C-alpha atoms as a PDB file:
ATOM      1  CA  UNK A   1      88.209 -22.376  19.821  1.00  0.00           C
ATOM      2  CA  UNK A   2      88.888 -24.499  16.685  1.00  0.00           C
ATOM      3  CA  UNK A   3      91.182 -26.760  18.680  1.00  0.00           C
ATOM      4  CA  UNK A   4      88.326 -27.227  21.424  1.00  0.00           C
ATOM      5  CA  UNK A   5      85.854 -28.291  18.683  1.00  0.00           C
ATOM      6  CA  UNK A   6      88.285 -30.680  17.023  1.00  0.00           C
ATOM      7  CA  UNK A   7      89.200 -32.195  20.295  1.00  0.00           C
ATOM      8  CA  UNK A   8      85.548 -32.723  21.303  1.00  0.00           C
ATOM      9  CA  UNK A   9      84.738 -34.236  17.865  1.00  0.00           C
ATOM     10  CA  UNK A  10      87.620 -36.614  17.987  1.00  0.00           C
ATOM     11  CA  UNK A  11      86.730 -37.747  21.653  1.00  0.00           C
ATOM     12  CA  UNK A  12      83.133 -38.185  20.555  1.00  0.00           C
ATOM     13  CA  UNK A  13      84.107 -40.363  17.659  1.00  0.00           C
ATOM     14  CA  UNK A  14      86.576 -42.424  19.784  1.00  0.00           C
ATOM     15  CA  UNK A  15      83.892 -43.043  22.430  1.00  0.00           C
ATOM     16  CA  UNK A  16      81.525 -44.047  19.793  1.00  0.00           C
ATOM     17  CA  UNK A  17      83.883 -46.571  18.271  1.00  0.00           C
ATOM     18  CA  UNK A  18      84.697 -48.013  21.580  1.00  0.00           C
ATOM     19  CA  UNK A  19      81.012 -48.167  22.597  1.00  0.00           C
ATOM     20  CA  UNK A  20      80.351 -50.236  19.454  1.00  0.00           C
ATOM     21  CA  UNK A  21      83.310 -52.638  20.026  1.00  0.00           C
ATOM     22  CA  UNK A  22      82.583 -53.208  23.605  1.00  0.00           C
ATOM     23  CA  UNK A  23      78.615 -53.033  23.261  1.00  0.00           C
ATOM     24  CA  UNK A  24      78.769 -50.554  26.296  1.00  0.00           C
ATOM     25  CA  UNK A  25      75.632 -48.163  26.224  1.00  0.00           C
ATOM     26  CA  UNK A  26      77.311 -45.892  28.851  1.00  0.00           C
ATOM     27  CA  UNK A  27      80.086 -44.947  26.376  1.00  0.00           C
ATOM     28  CA  UNK A  28      77.563 -44.438  23.632  1.00  0.00           C
ATOM     29  CA  UNK A  29      75.635 -42.011  25.844  1.00  0.00           C
ATOM     30  CA  UNK A  30      78.858 -40.258  26.764  1.00  0.00           C
ATOM     31  CA  UNK A  31      79.744 -39.980  23.060  1.00  0.00           C
ATOM     32  CA  UNK A  32      76.350 -38.345  22.373  1.00  0.00           C
ATOM     33  CA  UNK A  33      76.925 -35.849  25.161  1.00  0.00           C
ATOM     34  CA  UNK A  34      80.376 -34.983  23.847  1.00  0.00           C
ATOM     35  CA  UNK A  35      78.914 -34.555  20.272  1.00  0.00           C
ATOM     36  CA  UNK A  36      76.094 -32.154  21.626  1.00  0.00           C
ATOM     37  CA  UNK A  37      78.826 -30.313  23.532  1.00  0.00           C
ATOM     38  CA  UNK A  38      80.856 -29.872  20.283  1.00  0.00           C
ATOM     39  CA  UNK A  39      77.735 -28.690  18.455  1.00  0.00           C
ATOM     40  CA  UNK A  40      77.030 -26.131  21.357  1.00  0.00           C
ATOM     41  CA  UNK A  41      80.645 -24.789  20.974  1.00  0.00           C
ATOM     42  CA  UNK A  42      80.146 -24.634  17.169  1.00  0.00           C
ATOM     43  CA  UNK A  43      76.918 -22.619  17.494  1.00  0.00           C
ATOM     44  CA  UNK A  44      78.407 -20.368  20.142  1.00  0.00           C
ATOM     45  CA  UNK A  45      81.460 -19.820  17.992  1.00  0.00           C
ATOM     46  CA  UNK A  46      79.299 -18.733  15.083  1.00  0.00           C
ATOM     47  CA  UNK A  47      77.103 -16.337  17.228  1.00  0.00           C
ATOM     48  CA  UNK A  48      80.526 -14.787  18.505  1.00  0.00           C
ATOM     49  CA  UNK A  49      81.599 -14.266  14.896  1.00  0.00           C
ATOM     50  CA  UNK A  50      78.280 -12.685  13.794  1.00  0.00           C
ATOM     51  CA  UNK A  51      78.266 -10.323  16.869  1.00  0.00           C
ATOM     52  CA  UNK A  52      81.830  -9.382  15.943  1.00  0.00           C
ATOM     53  CA  UNK A  53      80.975  -8.528  12.366  1.00  0.00           C
ATOM     54  CA  UNK A  54      77.827  -6.611  13.480  1.00  0.00           C
ATOM     55  CA  UNK A  55      80.001  -4.568  16.086  1.00  0.00           C
ATOM     56  CA  UNK A  56      82.666  -3.813  13.300  1.00  0.00           C
ATOM     57  CA  UNK A  57      79.966  -2.846  10.846  1.00  0.00           C
ATOM     58  CA  UNK A  58      78.313  -0.497  13.513  1.00  0.00           C
ATOM     59  CA  UNK A  59      81.657   1.006  14.115  1.00  0.00           C
ATOM     60  CA  UNK A  60      82.390   1.571  10.542  1.00  0.00           C
ATOM     61  CA  UNK A  61      78.968   3.239  10.171  1.00  0.00           C
ATOM     62  CA  UNK A  62      79.699   5.377  13.205  1.00  0.00           C
ATOM     63  CA  UNK A  63      82.990   6.404  11.723  1.00  0.00           C
ATOM     64  CA  UNK A  64      81.471   7.214   8.263  1.00  0.00           C
ATOM     65  CA  UNK A  65      78.815   9.324   9.989  1.00  0.00           C
ATOM     66  CA  UNK A  66      81.383  11.129  11.891  1.00  0.00           C
ATOM     67  CA  UNK A  67      83.320  11.830   8.796  1.00  0.00           C
ATOM     68  CA  UNK A  68      80.376  13.171   6.962  1.00  0.00           C
ATOM     69  CA  UNK A  69      79.387  15.377   9.805  1.00  0.00           C
ATOM     70  CA  UNK A  70      82.830  16.604  10.022  1.00  0.00           C
ATOM     71  CA  UNK A  71      82.866  17.228   6.133  1.00  0.00           C
ATOM     72  CA  UNK A  72      79.395  18.925   6.324  1.00  0.00           C
ATOM     73  CA  UNK A  73      80.650  21.165   9.286  1.00  0.00           C
ATOM     74  CA  UNK A  74      83.699  22.158   7.254  1.00  0.00           C
ATOM     75  CA  UNK A  75      81.567  22.926   4.103  1.00  0.00           C
ATOM     76  CA  UNK A  76      79.116  25.161   6.253  1.00  0.00           C
ATOM     77  CA  UNK A  77      81.930  26.943   7.932  1.00  0.00           C
ATOM     78  CA  UNK A  78      83.728  27.602   4.533  1.00  0.00           C
ATOM     79  CA  UNK A  79      80.440  28.776   2.930  1.00  0.00           C
ATOM     80  CA  UNK A  80      79.785  31.165   5.883  1.00  0.00           C
ATOM     81  CA  UNK A  81      83.312  32.583   5.769  1.00  0.00           C
ATOM     82  CA  UNK A  82      83.160  33.274   2.039  1.00  0.00           C
ATOM     83  CA  UNK A  83      79.735  34.938   2.454  1.00  0.00           C
ATOM     84  CA  UNK A  84      81.207  37.097   5.314  1.00  0.00           C
ATOM     85  CA  UNK A  85      84.027  38.017   2.936  1.00  0.00           C
ATOM     86  CA  UNK A  86      81.717  38.970   0.250  1.00  0.00           C
ATOM     87  CA  UNK A  87      79.511  41.024   2.564  1.00  0.00           C
ATOM     88  CA  UNK A  88      82.613  42.781   3.914  1.00  0.00           C
ATOM     89  CA  UNK A  89      83.904  43.418   0.374  1.00  0.00           C
ATOM     90  CA  UNK A  90      80.382  44.926  -0.510  1.00  0.00           C
ATOM     91  CA  UNK A  91      80.145  47.142   2.446  1.00  0.00           C
ATOM     92  CA  UNK A  92      83.784  48.477   1.987  1.00  0.00           C
ATOM     93  CA  UNK A  93      83.329  49.659  -1.602  1.00  0.00           C
ATOM     94  CA  UNK A  94      80.932  52.638  -2.156  1.00  0.00           C
ATOM     95  CA  UNK A  95      78.475  52.151  -4.882  1.00  0.00           C
ATOM     96  CA  UNK A  96      79.563  53.537  -8.318  1.00  0.00           C
ATOM     97  CA  UNK A  97      78.014  56.851  -9.408  1.00  0.00           C
ATOM     98  CA  UNK A  98      77.087  56.851 -13.125  1.00  0.00           C
ATOM     99  CA  UNK A  99      79.292  59.206 -15.106  1.00  0.00           C
ATOM    100  CA  UNK A 100      76.338  61.047 -16.502  1.00  0.00           C
ATOM    101  CA  UNK A 101      74.901  61.849 -13.223  1.00  0.00           C
ATOM    102  CA  UNK A 102      77.999  63.268 -11.877  1.00  0.00           C
ATOM    103  CA  UNK A 103      79.018  65.153 -15.113  1.00  0.00           C
ATOM    104  CA  UNK A 104      75.984  67.517 -14.948  1.00  0.00           C
ATOM    105  CA  UNK A 105      73.095  68.399 -12.716  1.00  0.00           C
ATOM    106  CA  UNK A 106      70.663  68.673 -15.825  1.00  0.00           C
ATOM    107  CA  UNK A 107      68.390  65.739 -15.897  1.00  0.00           C
ATOM    108  CA  UNK A 108      68.049  63.880 -19.172  1.00  0.00           C
ATOM    109  CA  UNK A 109      64.816  64.194 -21.266  1.00  0.00           C
ATOM    110  CA  UNK A 110      63.929  60.607 -20.317  1.00  0.00           C
ATOM    111  CA  UNK A 111      64.213  61.577 -16.618  1.00  0.00           C
ATOM    112  CA  UNK A 112      62.333  64.673 -17.106  1.00  0.00           C
ATOM    113  CA  UNK A 113      59.540  62.733 -18.900  1.00  0.00           C
ATOM    114  CA  UNK A 114      59.350  60.237 -16.021  1.00  0.00           C
ATOM    115  CA  UNK A 115      58.957  62.842 -13.413  1.00  0.00           C
ATOM    116  CA  UNK A 116      55.456  63.630 -12.266  1.00  0.00           C
ATOM    117  CA  UNK A 117      54.178  67.140 -13.319  1.00  0.00           C
ATOM    118  CA  UNK A 118      54.137  69.350 -10.382  1.00  0.00           C
ATOM    119  CA  UNK A 119      52.715  72.240 -12.118  1.00  0.00           C
ATOM    120  CA  UNK A 120      56.073  73.915 -12.839  1.00  0.00           C
ATOM    121  CA  UNK A 121      57.035  74.646 -16.487  1.00  0.00           C
ATOM    122  CA  UNK A 122      59.158  71.773 -18.001  1.00  0.00           C
ATOM    123  CA  UNK A 123      61.739  72.311 -20.671  1.00  0.00           C
ATOM    124  CA  UNK A 124      61.196  70.885 -23.974  1.00  0.00           C
ATOM    125  CA  UNK A 125      63.984  68.898 -25.846  1.00  0.00           C
ATOM    126  CA  UNK A 126      65.497  71.210 -28.427  1.00  0.00           C
ATOM    127  CA  UNK A 127      64.162  69.122 -31.404  1.00  0.00           C
ATOM    128  CA  UNK A 128      60.770  68.270 -29.910  1.00  0.00           C
ATOM    129  CA  UNK A 129      57.605  70.589 -30.315  1.00  0.00           C
ATOM    130  CA  UNK A 130      55.480  71.400 -27.370  1.00  0.00           C
ATOM    131  CA  UNK A 131      52.720  69.330 -26.199  1.00  0.00           C
ATOM    132  CA  UNK A 132      49.164  69.898 -27.729  1.00  0.00           C
ATOM    133  CA  UNK A 133      46.403  70.948 -25.222  1.00  0.00           C
ATOM    134  CA  UNK A 134      44.064  68.145 -26.299  1.00  0.00           C
ATOM    135  CA  UNK A 135      43.025  64.940 -24.734  1.00  0.00           C
ATOM    136  CA  UNK A 136      43.735  61.564 -26.550  1.00  0.00           C
ATOM    137  CA  UNK A 137      40.515  60.241 -28.273  1.00  0.00           C
ATOM    138  CA  UNK A 138      40.894  56.837 -26.713  1.00  0.00           C
ATOM    139  CA  UNK A 139      37.334  55.698 -27.400  1.00  0.00           C
ATOM    140  CA  UNK A 140      36.997  54.654 -31.171  1.00  0.00           C
ATOM    141  CA  UNK A 141      40.657  55.444 -32.020  1.00  0.00           C
ATOM    142  CA  UNK A 142      42.601  53.485 -29.206  1.00  0.00           C
ATOM    143  CA  UNK A 143      44.246  51.207 -31.706  1.00  0.00           C
ATOM    144  CA  UNK A 144      44.992  53.837 -34.301  1.00  0.00           C
ATOM    145  CA  UNK A 145      48.741  53.975 -35.069  1.00  0.00           C
ATOM    146  CA  UNK A 146      50.864  56.867 -33.757  1.00  0.00           C
ATOM    147  CA  UNK A 147      54.539  57.422 -33.876  1.00  0.00           C
ATOM    148  CA  UNK A 148      57.086  57.842 -31.108  1.00  0.00           C
ATOM    149  CA  UNK A 149      60.813  58.180 -30.759  1.00  0.00           C
ATOM    150  CA  UNK A 150      62.971  56.776 -27.961  1.00  0.00           C
ATOM    151  CA  UNK A 151      63.845  59.494 -25.398  1.00  0.00           C
ATOM    152  CA  UNK A 152      61.232  61.914 -26.691  1.00  0.00           C
ATOM    153  CA  UNK A 153      57.904  62.514 -24.818  1.00  0.00           C
ATOM    154  CA  UNK A 154      55.520  63.148 -27.821  1.00  0.00           C
ATOM    155  CA  UNK A 155      53.516  60.897 -30.036  1.00  0.00           C
ATOM    156  CA  UNK A 156      52.965  62.041 -33.622  1.00  0.00           C
ATOM    157  CA  UNK A 157      51.138  61.203 -36.797  1.00  0.00           C
ATOM    158  CA  UNK A 158      53.241  59.561 -39.672  1.00  0.00           C
ATOM    159  CA  UNK A 159      53.404  62.870 -41.687  1.00  0.00           C
ATOM    160  CA  UNK A 160      54.725  65.046 -38.750  1.00  0.00           C
ATOM    161  CA  UNK A 161      57.738  67.067 -39.916  1.00  0.00           C
ATOM    162  CA  UNK A 162      59.468  66.619 -36.394  1.00  0.00           C
ATOM    163  CA  UNK A 163      59.952  62.930 -37.327  1.00  0.00           C
ATOM    164  CA  UNK A 164      61.976  63.720 -40.335  1.00  0.00           C
ATOM    165  CA  UNK A 165      65.516  62.214 -40.148  1.00  0.00           C
ATOM    166  CA  UNK A 166      64.652  59.858 -37.254  1.00  0.00           C
ATOM    167  CA  UNK A 167      63.551  56.228 -36.921  1.00  0.00           C
ATOM    168  CA  UNK A 168      60.224  56.358 -35.097  1.00  0.00           C
ATOM    169  CA  UNK A 169      58.149  53.321 -33.945  1.00  0.00           C
ATOM    170  CA  UNK A 170      54.596  52.986 -34.612  1.00  0.00           C
ATOM    171  CA  UNK A 171      52.343  51.899 -31.616  1.00  0.00           C
ATOM    172  CA  UNK A 172      48.753  51.990 -30.721  1.00  0.00           C
ATOM    173  CA  UNK A 173      47.370  55.279 -29.370  1.00  0.00           C
ATOM    174  CA  UNK A 174      46.231  53.604 -26.199  1.00  0.00           C
ATOM    175  CA  UNK A 175      49.796  52.270 -25.543  1.00  0.00           C
ATOM    176  CA  UNK A 176      51.329  55.766 -26.127  1.00  0.00           C
ATOM    177  CA  UNK A 177      49.110  57.242 -23.784  1.00  0.00           C
ATOM    178  CA  UNK A 178      49.637  54.544 -21.305  1.00  0.00           C
ATOM    179  CA  UNK A 179      53.416  54.847 -21.656  1.00  0.00           C
ATOM    180  CA  UNK A 180      53.154  58.575 -20.782  1.00  0.00           C
ATOM    181  CA  UNK A 181      53.630  60.120 -24.127  1.00  0.00           C
ATOM    182  CA  UNK A 182      51.717  63.430 -24.882  1.00  0.00           C
ATOM    183  CA  UNK A 183      50.390  64.587 -28.341  1.00  0.00           C
ATOM    184  CA  UNK A 184      52.599  66.786 -30.547  1.00  0.00           C
ATOM    185  CA  UNK A 185      51.577  70.366 -31.179  1.00  0.00           C
ATOM    186  CA  UNK A 186      52.652  70.428 -34.633  1.00  0.00           C
ATOM    187  CA  UNK A 187      50.729  67.530 -36.153  1.00  0.00           C
ATOM    188  CA  UNK A 188      47.903  67.494 -33.458  1.00  0.00           C
ATOM    189  CA  UNK A 189      47.285  63.755 -33.624  1.00  0.00           C
ATOM    190  CA  UNK A 190      44.394  63.852 -31.140  1.00  0.00           C
ATOM    191  CA  UNK A 191      42.177  66.374 -33.064  1.00  0.00           C
ATOM    192  CA  UNK A 192      42.995  64.883 -36.496  1.00  0.00           C
ATOM    193  CA  UNK A 193      42.130  61.226 -35.194  1.00  0.00           C
ATOM    194  CA  UNK A 194      38.990  62.537 -33.643  1.00  0.00           C
ATOM    195  CA  UNK A 195      37.826  64.493 -36.621  1.00  0.00           C
END
Protein backbone atom coordinates (compact mmCIF):
# COMPACT_ATOMS: atom_id res chain seq x y z
CA UNK A 1 0.00 0.00 0.00
CA UNK A 2 2.92 2.33 0.75
CA UNK A 3 4.23 1.81 -2.78
CA UNK A 4 0.84 2.77 -4.31
CA UNK A 5 0.67 5.96 -2.23
CA UNK A 6 4.23 6.92 -3.16
CA UNK A 7 3.56 6.27 -6.87
CA UNK A 8 0.38 8.40 -6.81
CA UNK A 9 2.15 11.27 -5.06
CA UNK A 10 5.09 11.21 -7.52
CA UNK A 11 2.67 11.10 -10.47
CA UNK A 12 0.64 14.04 -9.05
CA UNK A 13 3.82 16.09 -8.56
CA UNK A 14 5.11 15.30 -12.06
CA UNK A 15 1.76 16.25 -13.61
CA UNK A 16 1.69 19.50 -11.64
CA UNK A 17 5.21 20.45 -12.76
CA UNK A 18 4.38 19.56 -16.35
CA UNK A 19 1.11 21.57 -16.17
CA UNK A 20 2.99 24.63 -14.88
CA UNK A 21 5.66 24.36 -17.58
CA UNK A 22 3.19 23.97 -20.44
CA UNK A 23 0.39 26.10 -18.99
CA UNK A 24 -1.99 23.20 -19.60
CA UNK A 25 -5.03 23.29 -17.27
CA UNK A 26 -6.01 19.71 -18.12
CA UNK A 27 -2.75 18.39 -16.70
CA UNK A 28 -3.29 20.52 -13.57
CA UNK A 29 -6.76 19.01 -13.11
CA UNK A 30 -5.38 15.49 -13.60
CA UNK A 31 -2.68 16.29 -11.00
CA UNK A 32 -5.38 17.35 -8.52
CA UNK A 33 -7.41 14.16 -9.18
CA UNK A 34 -4.30 12.00 -8.64
CA UNK A 35 -3.53 13.91 -5.40
CA UNK A 36 -7.12 13.32 -4.15
CA UNK A 37 -6.75 9.62 -5.03
CA UNK A 38 -3.50 9.47 -3.05
CA UNK A 39 -5.25 11.13 -0.09
CA UNK A 40 -8.13 8.61 -0.33
CA UNK A 41 -5.65 5.71 -0.32
CA UNK A 42 -3.90 7.21 2.74
CA UNK A 43 -7.22 7.58 4.65
CA UNK A 44 -8.28 4.07 3.66
CA UNK A 45 -4.92 2.68 4.88
CA UNK A 46 -5.31 4.41 8.25
CA UNK A 47 -8.83 3.02 8.69
CA UNK A 48 -7.63 -0.49 7.87
CA UNK A 49 -4.81 -0.19 10.44
CA UNK A 50 -7.25 1.08 13.11
CA UNK A 51 -9.69 -1.74 12.37
CA UNK A 52 -6.87 -4.27 12.58
CA UNK A 53 -5.70 -2.84 15.93
CA UNK A 54 -9.28 -2.91 17.27
CA UNK A 55 -9.70 -6.51 16.09
CA UNK A 56 -6.42 -7.53 17.77
CA UNK A 57 -7.46 -5.75 20.99
CA UNK A 58 -10.86 -7.49 20.98
CA UNK A 59 -9.15 -10.84 20.37
CA UNK A 60 -6.72 -10.19 23.24
CA UNK A 61 -9.65 -9.26 25.53
CA UNK A 62 -11.51 -12.40 24.52
CA UNK A 63 -8.44 -14.54 25.23
CA UNK A 64 -7.95 -12.86 28.62
CA UNK A 65 -11.61 -13.48 29.51
CA UNK A 66 -11.32 -17.13 28.47
CA UNK A 67 -8.20 -17.49 30.63
CA UNK A 68 -9.95 -15.84 33.60
CA UNK A 69 -13.00 -18.07 33.16
CA UNK A 70 -10.78 -21.15 32.95
CA UNK A 71 -8.88 -20.08 36.10
CA UNK A 72 -12.16 -19.40 37.97
CA UNK A 73 -13.56 -22.78 36.92
CA UNK A 74 -10.36 -24.50 38.08
CA UNK A 75 -10.51 -22.64 41.42
CA UNK A 76 -14.19 -23.52 41.99
CA UNK A 77 -13.58 -27.19 41.12
CA UNK A 78 -10.57 -27.33 43.46
CA UNK A 79 -12.58 -25.76 46.30
CA UNK A 80 -15.47 -28.18 45.72
CA UNK A 81 -13.09 -31.15 45.71
CA UNK A 82 -11.42 -29.96 48.92
CA UNK A 83 -14.81 -29.49 50.63
CA UNK A 84 -15.93 -32.95 49.49
CA UNK A 85 -12.71 -34.40 50.92
CA UNK A 86 -13.23 -32.64 54.26
CA UNK A 87 -16.87 -33.77 54.38
CA UNK A 88 -15.86 -37.38 53.63
CA UNK A 89 -13.16 -37.23 56.33
CA UNK A 90 -15.66 -35.87 58.90
CA UNK A 91 -18.21 -38.56 58.04
CA UNK A 92 -15.70 -41.39 58.22
CA UNK A 93 -14.34 -40.50 61.70
CA UNK A 94 -16.77 -41.12 64.61
CA UNK A 95 -17.00 -38.27 67.12
CA UNK A 96 -14.65 -38.70 70.06
CA UNK A 97 -16.21 -39.63 73.40
CA UNK A 98 -14.90 -37.68 76.40
CA UNK A 99 -12.82 -39.89 78.70
CA UNK A 100 -14.78 -38.87 81.79
CA UNK A 101 -18.08 -39.89 80.19
CA UNK A 102 -16.81 -43.33 79.21
CA UNK A 103 -14.97 -43.95 82.48
CA UNK A 104 -18.03 -43.98 84.71
CA UNK A 105 -21.77 -43.77 84.47
CA UNK A 106 -21.88 -41.42 87.51
CA UNK A 107 -22.73 -37.86 86.46
CA UNK A 108 -20.50 -35.06 87.70
CA UNK A 109 -21.80 -32.67 90.39
CA UNK A 110 -22.04 -29.97 87.72
CA UNK A 111 -24.19 -32.21 85.51
CA UNK A 112 -26.37 -33.15 88.45
CA UNK A 113 -26.86 -29.47 89.34
CA UNK A 114 -27.77 -28.63 85.73
CA UNK A 115 -30.44 -31.36 85.44
CA UNK A 116 -33.99 -30.26 86.14
CA UNK A 117 -35.41 -31.52 89.42
CA UNK A 118 -37.85 -34.31 88.58
CA UNK A 119 -38.89 -34.89 92.19
CA UNK A 120 -36.38 -37.70 92.76
CA UNK A 121 -33.81 -37.43 95.52
CA UNK A 122 -30.49 -36.11 94.32
CA UNK A 123 -27.16 -37.01 95.85
CA UNK A 124 -25.25 -34.16 97.52
CA UNK A 125 -21.53 -33.75 96.89
CA UNK A 126 -19.56 -35.29 99.76
CA UNK A 127 -18.27 -31.95 101.10
CA UNK A 128 -21.43 -29.93 100.42
CA UNK A 129 -24.21 -29.51 103.02
CA UNK A 130 -27.79 -30.13 101.93
CA UNK A 131 -29.97 -27.31 100.66
CA UNK A 132 -32.03 -25.24 103.08
CA UNK A 133 -35.81 -25.24 102.77
CA UNK A 134 -36.07 -21.49 102.38
CA UNK A 135 -36.79 -19.15 99.52
CA UNK A 136 -34.22 -16.50 98.61
CA UNK A 137 -35.20 -13.04 99.97
CA UNK A 138 -34.73 -11.33 96.63
CA UNK A 139 -36.69 -8.17 97.46
CA UNK A 140 -34.43 -5.93 99.57
CA UNK A 141 -31.43 -8.24 99.57
CA UNK A 142 -30.98 -8.99 95.85
CA UNK A 143 -27.61 -7.22 95.83
CA UNK A 144 -26.35 -8.74 99.13
CA UNK A 145 -23.15 -10.68 98.62
CA UNK A 146 -23.18 -14.47 98.95
CA UNK A 147 -20.35 -16.90 98.29
CA UNK A 148 -20.23 -19.77 95.78
CA UNK A 149 -17.67 -22.35 94.66
CA UNK A 150 -17.22 -23.70 91.15
CA UNK A 151 -18.78 -27.13 90.79
CA UNK A 152 -20.89 -26.84 93.97
CA UNK A 153 -24.64 -26.09 93.88
CA UNK A 154 -24.99 -24.01 97.10
CA UNK A 155 -24.53 -20.36 98.02
CA UNK A 156 -23.23 -19.42 101.47
CA UNK A 157 -22.56 -16.56 103.86
CA UNK A 158 -18.89 -15.56 104.20
CA UNK A 159 -18.57 -17.23 107.65
CA UNK A 160 -19.95 -20.64 106.58
CA UNK A 161 -17.75 -23.55 107.77
CA UNK A 162 -18.20 -25.43 104.47
CA UNK A 163 -16.19 -22.72 102.71
CA UNK A 164 -13.05 -23.35 104.83
CA UNK A 165 -10.07 -24.34 102.74
CA UNK A 166 -11.66 -23.32 99.43
CA UNK A 167 -11.52 -20.28 97.20
CA UNK A 168 -15.13 -19.07 96.98
CA UNK A 169 -16.33 -16.27 94.73
CA UNK A 170 -18.55 -13.48 96.04
CA UNK A 171 -21.59 -12.68 93.84
CA UNK A 172 -24.92 -10.87 94.37
CA UNK A 173 -27.74 -13.03 95.76
CA UNK A 174 -29.89 -12.35 92.69
CA UNK A 175 -27.16 -13.70 90.41
CA UNK A 176 -26.67 -16.80 92.57
CA UNK A 177 -30.39 -17.62 92.38
CA UNK A 178 -30.46 -16.86 88.65
CA UNK A 179 -27.47 -19.16 88.09
CA UNK A 180 -29.31 -22.04 89.79
CA UNK A 181 -27.56 -22.05 93.18
CA UNK A 182 -29.62 -22.99 96.27
CA UNK A 183 -29.06 -21.86 99.89
CA UNK A 184 -26.78 -23.82 102.23
CA UNK A 185 -28.50 -25.49 105.21
CA UNK A 186 -25.54 -24.90 107.54
CA UNK A 187 -25.30 -21.12 107.34
CA UNK A 188 -28.92 -20.58 106.14
CA UNK A 189 -28.20 -17.38 104.15
CA UNK A 190 -31.83 -16.71 103.19
CA UNK A 191 -33.14 -16.50 106.77
CA UNK A 192 -30.11 -14.59 108.05
CA UNK A 193 -30.31 -12.04 105.19
CA UNK A 194 -34.09 -11.64 105.68
CA UNK A 195 -33.80 -11.30 109.49
